[in-house]
């Protein structure tokens, strides 16, 4: 079953700075993975780190 048809997956979109998008695309090329798999890896890594630190170092103060 394709991810788009799998009820356990959901599509997300975002606008990000061009340099960040290019870096992400290069990461996916270097790792020979598609963007979906790359984003899944990056998000899993981020939230694992966030849970360990119990704070978000990237969050801008209000």
C-alpha atoms as a PDB file:
ATOM      1  CA  UNK A   1       0.000   0.000   0.000  1.00  0.00           C
ATOM      2  CA  UNK A   2       1.322   3.423  -0.933  1.00  0.00           C
ATOM      3  CA  UNK A   3       1.841   5.917   1.890  1.00  0.00           C
ATOM      4  CA  UNK A   4      -0.764   8.243   0.367  1.00  0.00           C
ATOM      5  CA  UNK A   5      -3.352   5.471   0.729  1.00  0.00           C
ATOM      6  CA  UNK A   6      -2.196   4.343   4.179  1.00  0.00           C
ATOM      7  CA  UNK A   7      -4.448   5.721   6.967  1.00  0.00           C
ATOM      8  CA  UNK A   8      -1.418   5.784   9.309  1.00  0.00           C
ATOM      9  CA  UNK A   9       0.225   8.516   7.205  1.00  0.00           C
ATOM     10  CA  UNK A  10      -0.743  12.151   6.756  1.00  0.00           C
ATOM     11  CA  UNK A  11       0.538  14.722   4.287  1.00  0.00           C
ATOM     12  CA  UNK A  12       2.126  17.928   5.582  1.00  0.00           C
ATOM     13  CA  UNK A  13       3.404  21.009   3.743  1.00  0.00           C
ATOM     14  CA  UNK A  14       5.394  24.027   4.759  1.00  0.00           C
ATOM     15  CA  UNK A  15       7.197  27.028   3.398  1.00  0.00           C
ATOM     16  CA  UNK A  16      10.794  27.103   4.615  1.00  0.00           C
ATOM     17  CA  UNK A  17      13.772  29.306   3.785  1.00  0.00           C
ATOM     18  CA  UNK A  18      15.384  28.401   0.458  1.00  0.00           C
ATOM     19  CA  UNK A  19      18.744  27.490   2.021  1.00  0.00           C
ATOM     20  CA  UNK A  20      17.039  25.060   4.417  1.00  0.00           C
ATOM     21  CA  UNK A  21      15.071  23.452   1.577  1.00  0.00           C
ATOM     22  CA  UNK A  22      18.229  23.040  -0.496  1.00  0.00           C
ATOM     23  CA  UNK A  23      20.088  21.529   2.422  1.00  0.00           C
ATOM     24  CA  UNK A  24      17.241  19.070   3.024  1.00  0.00           C
ATOM     25  CA  UNK A  25      17.124  18.087  -0.648  1.00  0.00           C
ATOM     26  CA  UNK A  26      20.885  17.545  -0.660  1.00  0.00           C
ATOM     27  CA  UNK A  27      20.601  15.396   2.474  1.00  0.00           C
ATOM     28  CA  UNK A  28      18.002  13.218   0.739  1.00  0.00           C
ATOM     29  CA  UNK A  29      20.187  12.893  -2.362  1.00  0.00           C
ATOM     30  CA  UNK A  30      23.259  12.019  -0.288  1.00  0.00           C
ATOM     31  CA  UNK A  31      21.323   9.396   1.671  1.00  0.00           C
ATOM     32  CA  UNK A  32      19.557   8.090  -1.472  1.00  0.00           C
ATOM     33  CA  UNK A  33      16.111   8.504   0.095  1.00  0.00           C
ATOM     34  CA  UNK A  34      12.945  10.252  -1.075  1.00  0.00           C
ATOM     35  CA  UNK A  35      11.723  13.462   0.545  1.00  0.00           C
ATOM     36  CA  UNK A  36       9.024  11.640   2.478  1.00  0.00           C
ATOM     37  CA  UNK A  37      11.519   9.299   4.106  1.00  0.00           C
ATOM     38  CA  UNK A  38      13.955  12.162   4.675  1.00  0.00           C
ATOM     39  CA  UNK A  39      11.343  14.282   6.411  1.00  0.00           C
ATOM     40  CA  UNK A  40      10.294  11.329   8.539  1.00  0.00           C
ATOM     41  CA  UNK A  41      13.934  10.855   9.648  1.00  0.00           C
ATOM     42  CA  UNK A  42      14.468  14.552  10.352  1.00  0.00           C
ATOM     43  CA  UNK A  43      11.234  14.883  12.343  1.00  0.00           C
ATOM     44  CA  UNK A  44      11.920  11.709  14.331  1.00  0.00           C
ATOM     45  CA  UNK A  45      15.423  12.976  15.158  1.00  0.00           C
ATOM     46  CA  UNK A  46      14.114  16.419  16.117  1.00  0.00           C
ATOM     47  CA  UNK A  47      11.377  15.146  18.418  1.00  0.00           C
ATOM     48  CA  UNK A  48      13.683  12.590  20.031  1.00  0.00           C
ATOM     49  CA  UNK A  49      16.147  15.395  20.773  1.00  0.00           C
ATOM     50  CA  UNK A  50      13.328  17.649  21.946  1.00  0.00           C
ATOM     51  CA  UNK A  51      12.017  14.993  24.320  1.00  0.00           C
ATOM     52  CA  UNK A  52      15.526  14.478  25.691  1.00  0.00           C
ATOM     53  CA  UNK A  53      16.173  18.182  26.196  1.00  0.00           C
ATOM     54  CA  UNK A  54      12.592  18.882  27.282  1.00  0.00           C
ATOM     55  CA  UNK A  55      12.739  22.210  25.449  1.00  0.00           C
ATOM     56  CA  UNK A  56      12.846  23.528  21.905  1.00  0.00           C
ATOM     57  CA  UNK A  57      16.108  25.373  21.171  1.00  0.00           C
ATOM     58  CA  UNK A  58      14.704  26.593  17.839  1.00  0.00           C
ATOM     59  CA  UNK A  59      11.581  28.209  19.260  1.00  0.00           C
ATOM     60  CA  UNK A  60      11.684  31.979  19.010  1.00  0.00           C
ATOM     61  CA  UNK A  61      10.739  33.893  22.168  1.00  0.00           C
ATOM     62  CA  UNK A  62       7.446  35.770  22.013  1.00  0.00           C
END
